[in-house]
């Protein structure tokens, strides 16, 4: 099943492909062999579309299932520090890719954990997946495990907490000293983790 976090990306992919191919909802219903109510629910109401429904819609639109479900590769953009400061972007021009988590459409990026300040939750070599679609910090991210980019260029994997002054944040580790009152360029919650094994 798709998660609530992903349903909007699934809908956007389907609608864009419908527009590109001149499909109305009725035409998609006929080609997919499912009722118009199911198409309406998929595009407007349901938070958890069935895999079977998504497969039928993908076939009707002549798309690989991965194009809707988001099962293709994700770029591994660099390392993220669970310890010392780690540069965010890789230096080389060839970006590696890692498998996309199941039913996770939309723009994801992957980062490799480096350091041990977040043990036992995150181990060095784990791959964390985040969605980078805005600057700054949303209030809903406080208290969550996040990829956090600082103004000094470091990128960290920490629990995001409020700082003691406006616009500043404290980055909490599980077994190291907190980084207090730092200036954050952006933060994004960890959506998925692929263990290093």
Protein backbone atom coordinates (compact mmCIF):
# COMPACT_ATOMS: atom_id res chain seq x y z
CA UNK A 1 0.00 0.00 0.00
CA UNK A 2 1.12 3.57 -0.62
CA UNK A 3 1.59 5.78 2.40
CA UNK A 4 -0.23 9.06 2.99
CA UNK A 5 3.03 10.83 2.37
CA UNK A 6 3.29 9.42 -1.17
CA UNK A 7 -0.28 9.53 -2.52
CA UNK A 8 -0.01 13.09 -3.85
CA UNK A 9 3.06 12.20 -5.94
CA UNK A 10 1.24 9.12 -7.30
CA UNK A 11 -1.75 11.28 -8.26
CA UNK A 12 0.43 13.90 -9.93
CA UNK A 13 2.22 11.24 -11.99
CA UNK A 14 -1.07 9.68 -13.16
CA UNK A 15 -2.74 13.01 -13.97
CA UNK A 16 0.31 14.26 -15.91
CA UNK A 17 0.37 11.06 -17.97
CA UNK A 18 -3.39 11.25 -18.57
CA UNK A 19 -3.01 14.80 -19.87
CA UNK A 20 -0.04 13.83 -22.04
CA UNK A 21 -1.95 10.97 -23.64
CA UNK A 22 -5.35 12.66 -23.82
CA UNK A 23 -7.05 10.33 -21.34
CA UNK A 24 -10.19 11.43 -19.54
CA UNK A 25 -11.12 9.69 -16.33
CA UNK A 26 -13.76 7.73 -18.25
CA UNK A 27 -11.25 6.63 -20.87
CA UNK A 28 -8.76 5.56 -18.19
CA UNK A 29 -11.52 3.61 -16.45
CA UNK A 30 -12.36 1.75 -19.68
CA UNK A 31 -8.74 0.99 -20.58
CA UNK A 32 -7.86 -0.10 -17.03
CA UNK A 33 -10.97 -2.25 -16.66
CA UNK A 34 -11.95 -0.65 -13.37
CA UNK A 35 -14.93 1.49 -12.41
CA UNK A 36 -15.04 5.25 -12.74
CA UNK A 37 -15.61 5.43 -8.99
CA UNK A 38 -12.29 3.65 -8.40
CA UNK A 39 -10.52 6.17 -10.67
CA UNK A 40 -12.18 9.09 -8.85
CA UNK A 41 -11.19 7.63 -5.49
CA UNK A 42 -7.60 7.09 -6.64
CA UNK A 43 -7.28 10.66 -7.89
CA UNK A 44 -9.23 12.41 -5.11
CA UNK A 45 -10.04 10.39 -2.03
CA UNK A 46 -8.16 7.27 -1.08
CA UNK A 47 -4.94 7.50 0.90
CA UNK A 48 -4.01 3.85 0.25
CA UNK A 49 -4.62 2.70 -3.33
CA UNK A 50 -4.27 -1.02 -3.88
CA UNK A 51 -1.28 -2.42 -5.77
CA UNK A 52 -3.67 -4.11 -8.22
CA UNK A 53 -5.37 -0.81 -9.03
CA UNK A 54 -2.02 0.89 -9.61
CA UNK A 55 -0.89 -1.96 -11.88
CA UNK A 56 -4.07 -1.68 -13.99
CA UNK A 57 -3.71 2.10 -14.27
CA UNK A 58 -0.03 1.77 -15.25
CA UNK A 59 -0.91 -0.79 -17.95
CA UNK A 60 -3.76 1.38 -19.27
CA UNK A 61 -1.40 4.35 -19.55
CA UNK A 62 1.30 2.14 -21.12
CA UNK A 63 3.71 2.95 -18.31
CA UNK A 64 6.02 0.65 -16.38
CA UNK A 65 4.65 0.13 -12.86
CA UNK A 66 7.82 1.76 -11.50
CA UNK A 67 6.90 5.05 -13.17
CA UNK A 68 3.81 5.29 -10.96
CA UNK A 69 5.04 3.51 -7.86
CA UNK A 70 8.47 5.15 -7.91
CA UNK A 71 10.47 1.92 -7.82
CA UNK A 72 13.33 3.16 -10.00
CA UNK A 73 16.73 4.27 -8.70
CA UNK A 74 17.41 7.23 -6.41
CA UNK A 75 20.59 9.32 -6.65
CA UNK A 76 23.08 8.83 -3.83
CA UNK A 77 24.05 12.47 -3.38
CA UNK A 78 26.79 12.10 -0.80
CA UNK A 79 27.43 11.44 2.86
CA UNK A 80 25.58 12.73 5.88
CA UNK A 81 27.32 13.15 9.22
CA UNK A 82 26.27 11.24 12.27
CA UNK A 83 29.42 12.51 13.92
CA UNK A 84 31.73 15.11 12.42
CA UNK A 85 30.90 17.53 9.65
CA UNK A 86 30.41 15.86 6.29
CA UNK A 87 30.14 17.57 2.92
CA UNK A 88 26.70 17.11 1.42
CA UNK A 89 27.38 16.70 -2.30
CA UNK A 90 29.73 14.20 -3.88
CA UNK A 91 32.74 15.73 -5.63
CA UNK A 92 32.75 13.51 -8.69
CA UNK A 93 30.51 14.03 -11.69
CA UNK A 94 29.11 10.50 -11.71
CA UNK A 95 26.34 10.17 -9.17
CA UNK A 96 25.74 6.65 -7.92
CA UNK A 97 22.21 5.38 -7.52
CA UNK A 98 20.58 3.14 -4.94
CA UNK A 99 17.27 1.25 -5.10
CA UNK A 100 14.13 3.27 -4.51
CA UNK A 101 12.06 2.16 -1.53
CA UNK A 102 8.80 0.46 -2.54
CA UNK A 103 5.85 2.74 -3.23
CA UNK A 104 7.84 5.92 -2.73
CA UNK A 105 7.23 8.09 -5.80
CA UNK A 106 8.39 11.63 -6.22
CA UNK A 107 11.73 13.37 -5.84
CA UNK A 108 13.86 11.51 -3.30
CA UNK A 109 17.56 11.67 -2.65
CA UNK A 110 19.74 9.27 -0.71
CA UNK A 111 22.61 9.97 1.66
CA UNK A 112 25.09 7.54 3.22
CA UNK A 113 25.46 7.75 7.00
CA UNK A 114 29.02 8.50 8.13
CA UNK A 115 29.96 8.44 11.82
CA UNK A 116 28.46 6.80 14.88
CA UNK A 117 26.77 9.51 16.96
CA UNK A 118 23.33 8.15 16.04
CA UNK A 119 23.99 4.53 17.03
CA UNK A 120 22.11 2.29 17.56
CA UNK A 121 19.35 3.80 15.36
CA UNK A 122 21.60 4.56 12.38
CA UNK A 123 24.85 2.74 11.63
CA UNK A 124 27.71 3.96 9.45
CA UNK A 125 26.97 2.89 5.89
CA UNK A 126 23.18 2.97 6.25
CA UNK A 127 21.42 4.81 3.41
CA UNK A 128 18.79 7.35 4.44
CA UNK A 129 16.22 8.73 2.03
CA UNK A 130 14.82 12.24 2.25
CA UNK A 131 12.67 14.48 0.09
CA UNK A 132 14.32 17.85 -0.68
CA UNK A 133 11.59 20.10 -1.98
CA UNK A 134 11.90 23.29 0.07
CA UNK A 135 14.31 25.53 1.94
CA UNK A 136 14.14 26.24 5.64
CA UNK A 137 12.58 24.24 8.46
CA UNK A 138 8.90 23.37 8.82
CA UNK A 139 7.57 23.34 12.40
CA UNK A 140 6.33 19.75 11.92
CA UNK A 141 9.96 18.60 11.63
CA UNK A 142 10.84 19.45 15.24
CA UNK A 143 11.49 16.33 17.27
CA UNK A 144 12.07 14.17 14.18
CA UNK A 145 15.17 12.50 12.77
CA UNK A 146 16.20 14.79 9.93
CA UNK A 147 18.87 15.44 7.36
CA UNK A 148 19.99 18.96 8.29
CA UNK A 149 22.16 21.29 6.18
CA UNK A 150 23.93 24.06 8.07
CA UNK A 151 25.07 27.47 6.87
CA UNK A 152 28.71 26.33 7.37
CA UNK A 153 28.27 23.65 4.68
CA UNK A 154 27.99 20.60 6.93
CA UNK A 155 25.14 18.12 6.55
CA UNK A 156 24.07 16.05 9.53
CA UNK A 157 21.69 13.32 10.57
CA UNK A 158 20.23 14.50 13.89
CA UNK A 159 17.06 14.97 15.89
CA UNK A 160 15.94 18.54 15.19
CA UNK A 161 15.04 20.61 18.27
CA UNK A 162 14.35 24.31 18.82
CA UNK A 163 17.26 26.55 19.77
CA UNK A 164 17.24 29.26 22.39
CA UNK A 165 16.74 32.09 19.89
CA UNK A 166 14.61 32.64 16.80
CA UNK A 167 15.91 31.00 13.65
CA UNK A 168 18.36 28.79 15.54
CA UNK A 169 18.10 25.07 16.20
CA UNK A 170 19.70 22.42 18.38
CA UNK A 171 20.77 19.18 16.72
CA UNK A 172 20.54 16.23 19.10
CA UNK A 173 22.62 13.06 18.87
CA UNK A 174 21.89 9.75 20.53
CA UNK A 175 25.37 9.33 22.02
CA UNK A 176 27.33 12.55 21.45
CA UNK A 177 27.11 16.19 22.53
CA UNK A 178 24.30 18.31 21.09
CA UNK A 179 25.07 21.00 18.52
CA UNK A 180 23.35 24.01 20.05
CA UNK A 181 21.87 27.09 18.40
CA UNK A 182 23.08 26.44 14.86
CA UNK A 183 21.88 28.17 11.71
CA UNK A 184 20.01 25.70 9.50
CA UNK A 185 19.60 26.19 5.74
CA UNK A 186 17.16 23.32 5.36
CA UNK A 187 15.97 20.21 7.15
CA UNK A 188 14.10 17.20 5.83
CA UNK A 189 12.82 14.22 7.82
CA UNK A 190 14.21 10.76 7.12
CA UNK A 191 11.52 8.88 5.19
CA UNK A 192 13.21 5.50 4.73
CA UNK A 193 16.40 3.74 5.78
CA UNK A 194 18.23 1.01 3.88
CA UNK A 195 20.54 -0.86 6.29
CA UNK A 196 24.17 -1.13 5.20
CA UNK A 197 23.89 -4.92 4.97
